[in-house]
Amino acid sequence: MSSNPAAEQVARLLVEREELLLRVRELEALLDRSRRQLDDVNAEISSLRRVESELLRRHPELKQE
């Protein structure tokens, strides 16, 4: 039985492509999670700044020079 080097190469490349597609999907999922975490952190920062601003408005003696 003779082997077909081109067919073997295509088969290897198809496997490699599937592995790369899986890796891309995993990285996209990680990016989505990271973006959500960043949004959460930014929201927390904004909230804390509003609290700080209100606190300083009520207690101006707390302002640091």
PDB file of N, CA and C in Angstrom:
ATOM      1  N   MET A   1       0.846  -1.170   0.000  1.00  0.00           N
ATOM      2  CA  MET A   1       0.000   0.000   0.000  1.00  0.00           C
ATOM      3  C   MET A   1       0.894   1.236   0.000  1.00  0.00           C
ATOM      4  N   SER A   2       0.655   2.164  -0.911  1.00  0.00           N
ATOM      5  CA  SER A   2       1.484   3.352  -1.000  1.00  0.00           C
ATOM      6  C   SER A   2       0.864   4.470  -0.161  1.00  0.00           C
ATOM      7  N   SER A   3       1.730   5.295   0.352  1.00  0.00           N
ATOM      8  CA  SER A   3       1.230   6.410   1.149  1.00  0.00           C
ATOM      9  C   SER A   3       1.115   7.644   0.268  1.00  0.00           C
ATOM     10  N   ASN A   4       0.292   8.545   0.701  1.00  0.00           N
ATOM     11  CA  ASN A   4       0.080   9.774  -0.043  1.00  0.00           C
ATOM     12  C   ASN A   4       0.577  10.937   0.840  1.00  0.00           C
ATOM     13  N   PRO A   5       1.798  11.427   0.562  1.00  0.00           N
ATOM     14  CA  PRO A   5       2.359  12.490   1.409  1.00  0.00           C
ATOM     15  C   PRO A   5       1.498  13.751   1.442  1.00  0.00           C
ATOM     16  N   ALA A   6       0.889  14.089   0.333  1.00  0.00           N
ATOM     17  CA  ALA A   6       0.054  15.298   0.299  1.00  0.00           C
ATOM     18  C   ALA A   6      -1.162  15.130   1.203  1.00  0.00           C
ATOM     19  N   ALA A   7      -1.790  13.954   1.150  1.00  0.00           N
ATOM     20  CA  ALA A   7      -2.961  13.695   1.990  1.00  0.00           C
ATOM     21  C   ALA A   7      -2.571  13.696   3.468  1.00  0.00           C
ATOM     22  N   GLU A   8      -1.398  13.155   3.777  1.00  0.00           N
ATOM     23  CA  GLU A   8      -0.923  13.149   5.159  1.00  0.00           C
ATOM     24  C   GLU A   8      -0.668  14.577   5.639  1.00  0.00           C
ATOM     25  N   GLN A   9      -0.085  15.381   4.759  1.00  0.00           N
ATOM     26  CA  GLN A   9       0.180  16.786   5.105  1.00  0.00           C
ATOM     27  C   GLN A   9      -1.131  17.529   5.353  1.00  0.00           C
ATOM     28  N   VAL A  10      -2.106  17.297   4.483  1.00  0.00           N
ATOM     29  CA  VAL A  10      -3.416  17.939   4.647  1.00  0.00           C
ATOM     30  C   VAL A  10      -4.042  17.503   5.970  1.00  0.00           C
ATOM     31  N   ALA A  11      -3.969  16.230   6.298  1.00  0.00           N
ATOM     32  CA  ALA A  11      -4.539  15.726   7.547  1.00  0.00           C
ATOM     33  C   ALA A  11      -3.867  16.388   8.744  1.00  0.00           C
ATOM     34  N   ARG A  12      -2.542  16.507   8.721  1.00  0.00           N
ATOM     35  CA  ARG A  12      -1.822  17.163   9.819  1.00  0.00           C
ATOM     36  C   ARG A  12      -2.237  18.623   9.940  1.00  0.00           C
ATOM     37  N   LEU A  13      -2.351  19.287   8.797  1.00  0.00           N
ATOM     38  CA  LEU A  13      -2.730  20.697   8.822  1.00  0.00           C
ATOM     39  C   LEU A  13      -4.163  20.898   9.310  1.00  0.00           C
ATOM     40  N   LEU A  14      -5.055  19.976   8.977  1.00  0.00           N
ATOM     41  CA  LEU A  14      -6.425  20.061   9.478  1.00  0.00           C
ATOM     42  C   LEU A  14      -6.459  19.933  11.000  1.00  0.00           C
ATOM     43  N   VAL A  15      -5.666  19.035  11.541  1.00  0.00           N
ATOM     44  CA  VAL A  15      -5.579  18.881  12.995  1.00  0.00           C
ATOM     45  C   VAL A  15      -5.012  20.157  13.615  1.00  0.00           C
ATOM     46  N   GLU A  16      -3.957  20.679  13.008  1.00  0.00           N
ATOM     47  CA  GLU A  16      -3.351  21.916  13.517  1.00  0.00           C
ATOM     48  C   GLU A  16      -4.358  23.057  13.490  1.00  0.00           C
ATOM     49  N   ARG A  17      -5.139  23.143  12.397  1.00  0.00           N
ATOM     50  CA  ARG A  17      -6.145  24.198  12.291  1.00  0.00           C
ATOM     51  C   ARG A  17      -7.180  24.085  13.404  1.00  0.00           C
ATOM     52  N   GLU A  18      -7.648  22.879  13.670  1.00  0.00           N
ATOM     53  CA  GLU A  18      -8.634  22.677  14.737  1.00  0.00           C
ATOM     54  C   GLU A  18      -8.062  23.074  16.094  1.00  0.00           C
ATOM     55  N   GLU A  19      -6.798  22.743  16.340  1.00  0.00           N
ATOM     56  CA  GLU A  19      -6.155  23.124  17.596  1.00  0.00           C
ATOM     57  C   GLU A  19      -6.059  24.641  17.714  1.00  0.00           C
ATOM     58  N   LEU A  20      -5.717  25.296  16.624  1.00  0.00           N
ATOM     59  CA  LEU A  20      -5.617  26.754  16.633  1.00  0.00           C
ATOM     60  C   LEU A  20      -6.990  27.406  16.823  1.00  0.00           C
ATOM     61  N   LEU A  21      -8.013  26.863  16.189  1.00  0.00           N
ATOM     62  CA  LEU A  21      -9.358  27.402  16.370  1.00  0.00           C
ATOM     63  C   LEU A  21      -9.804  27.263  17.823  1.00  0.00           C
ATOM     64  N   LEU A  22      -9.495  26.142  18.437  1.00  0.00           N
ATOM     65  CA  LEU A  22      -9.823  25.948  19.844  1.00  0.00           C
ATOM     66  C   LEU A  22      -9.089  26.968  20.705  1.00  0.00           C
ATOM     67  N   ARG A  23      -7.821  27.176  20.413  1.00  0.00           N
ATOM     68  CA  ARG A  23      -7.029  28.148  21.165  1.00  0.00           C
ATOM     69  C   ARG A  23      -7.600  29.557  21.015  1.00  0.00           C
ATOM     70  N   VAL A  24      -8.021  29.905  19.805  1.00  0.00           N
ATOM     71  CA  VAL A  24      -8.621  31.222  19.568  1.00  0.00           C
ATOM     72  C   VAL A  24      -9.900  31.374  20.387  1.00  0.00           C
ATOM     73  N   ARG A  25     -10.737  30.345  20.400  1.00  0.00           N
ATOM     74  CA  ARG A  25     -11.979  30.409  21.185  1.00  0.00           C
ATOM     75  C   ARG A  25     -11.677  30.567  22.672  1.00  0.00           C
ATOM     76  N   GLU A  26     -10.667  29.856  23.162  1.00  0.00           N
ATOM     77  CA  GLU A  26     -10.286  29.969  24.572  1.00  0.00           C
ATOM     78  C   GLU A  26      -9.781  31.380  24.875  1.00  0.00           C
ATOM     79  N   LEU A  27      -8.979  31.938  23.973  1.00  0.00           N
ATOM     80  CA  LEU A  27      -8.454  33.292  24.184  1.00  0.00           C
ATOM     81  C   LEU A  27      -9.567  34.338  24.104  1.00  0.00           C
ATOM     82  N   GLU A  28     -10.515  34.138  23.206  1.00  0.00           N
ATOM     83  CA  GLU A  28     -11.645  35.063  23.116  1.00  0.00           C
ATOM     84  C   GLU A  28     -12.473  35.025  24.399  1.00  0.00           C
ATOM     85  N   ALA A  29     -12.667  33.833  24.952  1.00  0.00           N
ATOM     86  CA  ALA A  29     -13.411  33.707  26.208  1.00  0.00           C
ATOM     87  C   ALA A  29     -12.655  34.403  27.341  1.00  0.00           C
ATOM     88  N   LEU A  30     -11.344  34.227  27.377  1.00  0.00           N
ATOM     89  CA  LEU A  30     -10.529  34.895  28.396  1.00  0.00           C
ATOM     90  C   LEU A  30     -10.615  36.412  28.231  1.00  0.00           C
ATOM     91  N   LEU A  31     -10.569  36.892  27.009  1.00  0.00           N
ATOM     92  CA  LEU A  31     -10.673  38.319  26.745  1.00  0.00           C
ATOM     93  C   LEU A  31     -12.031  38.855  27.215  1.00  0.00           C
ATOM     94  N   ASP A  32     -13.092  38.125  26.929  1.00  0.00           N
ATOM     95  CA  ASP A  32     -14.433  38.542  27.371  1.00  0.00           C
ATOM     96  C   ASP A  32     -14.506  38.615  28.895  1.00  0.00           C
ATOM     97  N   ARG A  33     -13.987  37.591  29.571  1.00  0.00           N
ATOM     98  CA  ARG A  33     -13.990  37.608  31.042  1.00  0.00           C
ATOM     99  C   ARG A  33     -13.168  38.776  31.573  1.00  0.00           C
ATOM    100  N   SER A  34     -12.023  39.019  30.971  1.00  0.00           N
ATOM    101  CA  SER A  34     -11.158  40.117  31.409  1.00  0.00           C
ATOM    102  C   SER A  34     -11.831  41.465  31.189  1.00  0.00           C
ATOM    103  N   ARG A  35     -12.531  41.612  30.083  1.00  0.00           N
ATOM    104  CA  ARG A  35     -13.249  42.867  29.828  1.00  0.00           C
ATOM    105  C   ARG A  35     -14.349  43.082  30.866  1.00  0.00           C
ATOM    106  N   ARG A  36     -15.065  42.020  31.215  1.00  0.00           N
ATOM    107  CA  ARG A  36     -16.109  42.141  32.241  1.00  0.00           C
ATOM    108  C   ARG A  36     -15.490  42.504  33.588  1.00  0.00           C
ATOM    109  N   GLN A  37     -14.364  41.880  33.916  1.00  0.00           N
ATOM    110  CA  GLN A  37     -13.687  42.209  35.176  1.00  0.00           C
ATOM    111  C   GLN A  37     -13.230  43.665  35.168  1.00  0.00           C
ATOM    112  N   LEU A  38     -12.713  44.131  34.056  1.00  0.00           N
ATOM    113  CA  LEU A  38     -12.276  45.520  33.942  1.00  0.00           C
ATOM    114  C   LEU A  38     -13.463  46.464  34.113  1.00  0.00           C
ATOM    115  N   ASP A  39     -14.580  46.130  33.496  1.00  0.00           N
ATOM    116  CA  ASP A  39     -15.784  46.947  33.663  1.00  0.00           C
ATOM    117  C   ASP A  39     -16.207  46.991  35.130  1.00  0.00           C
ATOM    118  N   ASP A  40     -16.140  45.862  35.814  1.00  0.00           N
ATOM    119  CA  ASP A  40     -16.495  45.809  37.239  1.00  0.00           C
ATOM    120  C   ASP A  40     -15.558  46.682  38.067  1.00  0.00           C
ATOM    121  N   VAL A  41     -14.266  46.602  37.787  1.00  0.00           N
ATOM    122  CA  VAL A  41     -13.286  47.406  38.525  1.00  0.00           C
ATOM    123  C   VAL A  41     -13.517  48.894  38.252  1.00  0.00           C
ATOM    124  N   ASN A  42     -13.758  49.248  37.001  1.00  0.00           N
ATOM    125  CA  ASN A  42     -14.021  50.650  36.672  1.00  0.00           C
ATOM    126  C   ASN A  42     -15.283  51.160  37.364  1.00  0.00           C
ATOM    127  N   ALA A  43     -16.310  50.333  37.429  1.00  0.00           N
ATOM    128  CA  ALA A  43     -17.545  50.724  38.117  1.00  0.00           C
ATOM    129  C   ALA A  43     -17.283  50.918  39.608  1.00  0.00           C
ATOM    130  N   GLU A  44     -16.496  50.055  40.196  1.00  0.00           N
ATOM    131  CA  GLU A  44     -16.166  50.175  41.617  1.00  0.00           C
ATOM    132  C   GLU A  44     -15.368  51.448  41.879  1.00  0.00           C
ATOM    133  N   ILE A  45     -14.416  51.757  41.002  1.00  0.00           N
ATOM    134  CA  ILE A  45     -13.629  52.993  41.135  1.00  0.00           C
ATOM    135  C   ILE A  45     -14.557  54.211  41.067  1.00  0.00           C
ATOM    136  N   SER A  46     -15.455  54.222  40.104  1.00  0.00           N
ATOM    137  CA  SER A  46     -16.396  55.339  39.968  1.00  0.00           C
ATOM    138  C   SER A  46     -17.262  55.488  41.212  1.00  0.00           C
ATOM    139  N   SER A  47     -17.738  54.372  41.713  1.00  0.00           N
ATOM    140  CA  SER A  47     -18.567  54.394  42.911  1.00  0.00           C
ATOM    141  C   SER A  47     -17.792  54.936  44.107  1.00  0.00           C
ATOM    142  N   LEU A  48     -16.573  54.473  44.270  1.00  0.00           N
ATOM    143  CA  LEU A  48     -15.761  54.950  45.388  1.00  0.00           C
ATOM    144  C   LEU A  48     -15.417  56.430  45.247  1.00  0.00           C
ATOM    145  N   ARG A  49     -15.211  56.887  44.035  1.00  0.00           N
ATOM    146  CA  ARG A  49     -14.937  58.319  43.826  1.00  0.00           C
ATOM    147  C   ARG A  49     -16.163  59.159  44.173  1.00  0.00           C
ATOM    148  N   ARG A  50     -17.359  58.657  43.836  1.00  0.00           N
ATOM    149  CA  ARG A  50     -18.578  59.387  44.212  1.00  0.00           C
ATOM    150  C   ARG A  50     -18.722  59.443  45.728  1.00  0.00           C
ATOM    151  N   VAL A  51     -18.453  58.335  46.390  1.00  0.00           N
ATOM    152  CA  VAL A  51     -18.518  58.297  47.856  1.00  0.00           C
ATOM    153  C   VAL A  51     -17.499  59.263  48.451  1.00  0.00           C
ATOM    154  N   GLU A  52     -16.279  59.235  47.898  1.00  0.00           N
ATOM    155  CA  GLU A  52     -15.227  60.134  48.378  1.00  0.00           C
ATOM    156  C   GLU A  52     -15.636  61.597  48.200  1.00  0.00           C
ATOM    157  N   SER A  53     -16.181  61.898  47.037  1.00  0.00           N
ATOM    158  CA  SER A  53     -16.597  63.268  46.747  1.00  0.00           C
ATOM    159  C   SER A  53     -17.678  63.719  47.722  1.00  0.00           C
ATOM    160  N   GLU A  54     -18.650  62.882  47.963  1.00  0.00           N
ATOM    161  CA  GLU A  54     -19.728  63.218  48.897  1.00  0.00           C
ATOM    162  C   GLU A  54     -19.186  63.374  50.317  1.00  0.00           C
ATOM    163  N   LEU A  55     -18.288  62.513  50.705  1.00  0.00           N
ATOM    164  CA  LEU A  55     -17.686  62.598  52.035  1.00  0.00           C
ATOM    165  C   LEU A  55     -16.932  63.917  52.197  1.00  0.00           C
ATOM    166  N   LEU A  56     -16.162  64.281  51.171  1.00  0.00           N
ATOM    167  CA  LEU A  56     -15.409  65.530  51.236  1.00  0.00           C
ATOM    168  C   LEU A  56     -16.332  66.754  51.187  1.00  0.00           C
ATOM    169  N   ARG A  57     -17.437  66.618  50.497  1.00  0.00           N
ATOM    170  CA  ARG A  57     -18.402  67.719  50.469  1.00  0.00           C
ATOM    171  C   ARG A  57     -18.983  67.943  51.858  1.00  0.00           C
ATOM    172  N   ARG A  58     -19.286  66.852  52.547  1.00  0.00           N
ATOM    173  CA  ARG A  58     -19.869  66.942  53.884  1.00  0.00           C
ATOM    174  C   ARG A  58     -18.840  67.278  54.957  1.00  0.00           C
ATOM    175  N   HIS A  59     -17.597  66.885  54.713  1.00  0.00           N
ATOM    176  CA  HIS A  59     -16.527  67.081  55.701  1.00  0.00           C
ATOM    177  C   HIS A  59     -15.295  67.660  55.005  1.00  0.00           C
ATOM    178  N   PRO A  60     -15.340  68.942  54.673  1.00  0.00           N
ATOM    179  CA  PRO A  60     -14.219  69.545  53.937  1.00  0.00           C
ATOM    180  C   PRO A  60     -12.896  69.506  54.713  1.00  0.00           C
ATOM    181  N   GLU A  61     -12.970  69.329  56.006  1.00  0.00           N
ATOM    182  CA  GLU A  61     -11.746  69.262  56.804  1.00  0.00           C
ATOM    183  C   GLU A  61     -10.912  68.018  56.485  1.00  0.00           C
ATOM    184  N   LEU A  62     -11.504  67.070  55.805  1.00  0.00           N
ATOM    185  CA  LEU A  62     -10.783  65.840  55.451  1.00  0.00           C
ATOM    186  C   LEU A  62      -9.924  66.002  54.207  1.00  0.00           C
ATOM    187  N   LYS A  63     -10.100  67.110  53.498  1.00  0.00           N
ATOM    188  CA  LYS A  63      -9.323  67.318  52.264  1.00  0.00           C
ATOM    189  C   LYS A  63      -7.835  67.360  52.589  1.00  0.00           C
ATOM    190  N   GLN A  64      -7.071  66.657  51.774  1.00  0.00           N
ATOM    191  CA  GLN A  64      -5.625  66.690  51.933  1.00  0.00           C
ATOM    192  C   GLN A  64      -5.059  67.773  51.030  1.00  0.00           C
ATOM    193  N   GLU A  65      -4.106  68.489  51.528  1.00  0.00           N
ATOM    194  CA  GLU A  65      -3.506  69.579  50.760  1.00  0.00           C
ATOM    195  C   GLU A  65      -2.342  69.064  49.978  1.00  0.00           C
TER     196      GLU A  65
END
